[in-house]
Amino acid sequence: MNQSLIQVALYVRDLLAYSESLIKIGRDNDTITDFTIDYIGVDSIGSARRLASGQKYDGVSEVMTHSQRWSAPIVLSFYGSSAWDNATRFSLLTKSQLSEDLQRLLNIQVKQVSQLTDVKILTGQQFGERVELNFNLHYTISADVDTLRIDTAQYSILTENGLEIEP
């Protein structure tokens, strides 16, 4: 599972002080039978875009860290009788101090909400509220590789006339 979706779910849970059991990650064919329950679905339904990449070497622990920064479109689907209220509350709280603290703790960046859609109106449903909220998420992935450091370079220089020079 995409680790960034888990980070977003934790962010949503703590930002809205929401029950973890009501937050669903990804599209796992869950069937909603009671549209009054305030579920929140967390998903990424578009392509992630690489923003940057880099590497850093720690000579003490002899580890090379390769990392990449990505931007991914995230969709939060709010269900239940409080769908609109929860979606707009989330949108408003993304610039709060709690939001900033959570983003730093989870090592993610939640960008401004770009779209809020009342899906119930679009689908012509008579029962059940559903509001979708879109924003971009910036996150970093990394991999550590054990890499021995070179304390003293060992080299020799060969000249054109066959002379070998050593330090």
Protein backbone atom coordinates (compact mmCIF):
# COMPACT_ATOMS: atom_id res chain seq x y z
CA MET A 1 0.00 0.00 0.00
CA ASN A 2 1.14 3.52 -0.76
CA GLN A 3 2.71 4.78 2.49
CA SER A 4 1.71 8.36 1.67
CA LEU A 5 -1.99 7.38 1.81
CA ILE A 6 -1.44 5.99 5.31
CA GLN A 7 0.22 9.28 6.28
CA VAL A 8 -2.76 11.23 4.88
CA ALA A 9 -5.20 9.00 6.79
CA LEU A 10 -3.30 9.65 10.02
CA TYR A 11 -3.30 13.36 9.21
CA VAL A 12 -7.09 13.36 8.61
CA ARG A 13 -7.70 11.36 11.80
CA ASP A 14 -5.73 13.74 13.99
CA LEU A 15 -6.74 16.99 12.27
CA LEU A 16 -10.47 16.23 12.53
CA ALA A 17 -10.18 14.22 15.78
CA TYR A 18 -11.93 11.42 13.88
CA SER A 19 -12.42 7.75 14.66
CA GLU A 20 -9.84 5.65 12.82
CA SER A 21 -12.47 2.97 12.17
CA LEU A 22 -14.39 5.43 9.95
CA ILE A 23 -11.42 6.18 7.68
CA LYS A 24 -10.94 3.87 4.69
CA ILE A 25 -7.71 3.87 2.66
CA GLY A 26 -7.78 3.14 -1.06
CA ARG A 27 -10.57 1.53 -2.99
CA ASP A 28 -11.08 -1.89 -1.44
CA ASN A 29 -14.60 -2.55 -2.77
CA ASP A 30 -16.22 -1.54 0.50
CA THR A 31 -19.98 -1.38 0.11
CA ILE A 32 -21.79 1.37 1.96
CA THR A 33 -25.06 0.09 3.31
CA ASP A 34 -25.83 2.91 5.74
CA PHE A 35 -25.34 6.34 4.18
CA THR A 36 -25.81 8.10 7.50
CA ILE A 37 -22.42 6.88 8.79
CA ASP A 38 -19.74 9.53 8.35
CA TYR A 39 -17.03 7.54 6.55
CA ILE A 40 -14.01 9.21 4.96
CA GLY A 41 -12.26 7.57 2.02
CA VAL A 42 -8.61 8.44 1.31
CA ASP A 43 -7.30 7.75 -2.17
CA SER A 44 -4.99 8.92 -4.92
CA ILE A 45 -6.58 8.46 -8.32
CA GLY A 46 -4.05 10.27 -10.46
CA SER A 47 -0.40 10.02 -11.37
CA ALA A 48 2.21 11.15 -8.88
CA ARG A 49 4.79 13.54 -10.31
CA ARG A 50 8.46 13.53 -9.26
CA LEU A 51 9.55 16.98 -8.12
CA ALA A 52 13.18 16.36 -7.16
CA SER A 53 15.69 13.72 -6.22
CA GLY A 54 18.95 13.65 -4.33
CA GLN A 55 21.35 11.70 -2.24
CA LYS A 56 23.19 12.24 1.03
CA TYR A 57 26.11 10.33 2.48
CA ASP A 58 26.64 9.84 6.21
CA GLY A 59 30.32 9.00 6.62
CA VAL A 60 29.98 8.06 10.29
CA SER A 61 27.32 5.39 9.80
CA GLU A 62 28.52 4.67 6.24
CA VAL A 63 25.05 4.94 4.71
CA MET A 64 24.07 6.57 1.42
CA THR A 65 20.47 7.81 1.41
CA HIS A 66 18.78 8.16 -2.00
CA SER A 67 15.58 10.19 -1.88
CA GLN A 68 12.86 11.55 -4.15
CA ARG A 69 10.21 14.21 -3.58
CA TRP A 70 6.81 13.53 -5.16
CA SER A 71 3.53 15.38 -5.66
CA ALA A 72 0.35 13.31 -5.80
CA PRO A 73 -3.32 14.30 -6.24
CA ILE A 74 -5.34 13.13 -3.25
CA VAL A 75 -9.11 12.66 -3.08
CA LEU A 76 -10.96 12.56 0.21
CA SER A 77 -14.49 11.20 -0.08
CA PHE A 78 -16.76 12.26 2.78
CA TYR A 79 -19.92 10.23 3.33
CA GLY A 80 -22.85 10.46 5.72
CA SER A 81 -25.13 13.15 7.01
CA SER A 82 -22.15 15.35 8.03
CA ALA A 83 -20.26 14.97 4.74
CA TRP A 84 -20.41 18.63 3.72
CA ASP A 85 -19.61 19.89 7.22
CA ASN A 86 -16.64 17.52 7.58
CA ALA A 87 -15.28 18.38 4.13
CA THR A 88 -15.48 22.13 4.63
CA ARG A 89 -14.08 21.83 8.16
CA PHE A 90 -11.11 19.87 6.78
CA SER A 91 -10.57 22.53 4.11
CA LEU A 92 -10.56 25.29 6.71
CA LEU A 93 -8.24 23.48 9.13
CA THR A 94 -5.49 22.75 6.59
CA LYS A 95 -3.85 26.09 7.42
CA SER A 96 -4.15 25.78 11.20
CA GLN A 97 -1.23 25.39 13.59
CA LEU A 98 -2.36 21.82 14.33
CA SER A 99 -2.16 21.08 10.60
CA GLU A 100 1.37 22.49 10.37
CA ASP A 101 2.46 20.42 13.38
CA LEU A 102 0.94 17.22 11.98
CA GLN A 103 2.54 17.75 8.57
CA ARG A 104 5.94 18.19 10.18
CA LEU A 105 5.44 15.09 12.35
CA LEU A 106 4.28 12.93 9.39
CA ASN A 107 6.85 14.38 6.95
CA ILE A 108 4.21 15.40 4.39
CA GLN A 109 2.96 18.68 2.92
CA VAL A 110 -0.77 19.11 2.40
CA LYS A 111 -1.43 21.82 -0.15
CA GLN A 112 -4.56 23.97 -0.34
CA VAL A 113 -7.83 22.27 -1.24
CA SER A 114 -8.34 22.81 -4.95
CA GLN A 115 -11.79 21.34 -5.51
CA LEU A 116 -14.88 20.49 -3.47
CA THR A 117 -17.60 18.51 -5.25
CA ASP A 118 -21.05 17.48 -4.03
CA VAL A 119 -21.13 14.08 -5.73
CA LYS A 120 -24.71 13.42 -4.62
CA ILE A 121 -25.95 16.19 -6.88
CA LEU A 122 -23.85 14.95 -9.82
CA THR A 123 -25.07 11.35 -9.55
CA GLY A 124 -28.69 12.25 -8.91
CA GLN A 125 -28.88 10.29 -5.65
CA GLN A 126 -31.80 10.85 -3.37
CA PHE A 127 -30.31 9.16 -0.34
CA GLY A 128 -26.88 9.53 1.15
CA GLU A 129 -24.51 12.43 1.18
CA ARG A 130 -21.13 12.30 -0.55
CA VAL A 131 -18.66 15.13 -0.96
CA GLU A 132 -15.27 14.80 -2.62
CA LEU A 133 -12.38 17.07 -1.76
CA ASN A 134 -9.16 17.32 -3.83
CA PHE A 135 -5.71 18.56 -2.90
CA ASN A 136 -2.08 17.87 -3.75
CA LEU A 137 0.22 16.07 -1.36
CA HIS A 138 3.99 16.44 -1.36
CA TYR A 139 5.90 13.55 0.21
CA THR A 140 9.38 12.07 0.23
CA ILE A 141 10.47 8.49 -0.28
CA SER A 142 13.97 7.25 0.44
CA ALA A 143 16.19 4.18 0.48
CA ASP A 144 19.34 3.64 2.54
CA VAL A 145 22.28 1.74 1.08
CA ASP A 146 25.27 0.63 3.16
CA THR A 147 28.31 2.23 1.49
CA LEU A 148 31.84 1.96 2.84
CA ARG A 149 33.66 5.26 3.05
CA ILE A 150 37.11 5.84 1.57
CA ASP A 151 39.45 7.00 4.33
CA THR A 152 42.59 7.19 2.20
CA ALA A 153 42.42 7.22 -1.54
CA GLN A 154 44.62 4.58 -3.11
CA TYR A 155 45.66 5.49 -6.59
CA SER A 156 48.47 5.25 -9.06
CA ILE A 157 49.12 7.35 -12.12
CA LEU A 158 50.38 5.84 -15.35
CA THR A 159 52.17 8.19 -17.68
CA GLU A 160 52.36 7.94 -21.46
CA ASN A 161 55.90 6.59 -21.36
CA GLY A 162 54.98 3.80 -18.88
CA LEU A 163 56.20 5.46 -15.66
CA GLU A 164 54.01 4.60 -12.66
CA ILE A 165 53.70 7.26 -9.95
CA GLU A 166 52.36 6.28 -6.53
CA PRO A 167 51.63 8.57 -3.58
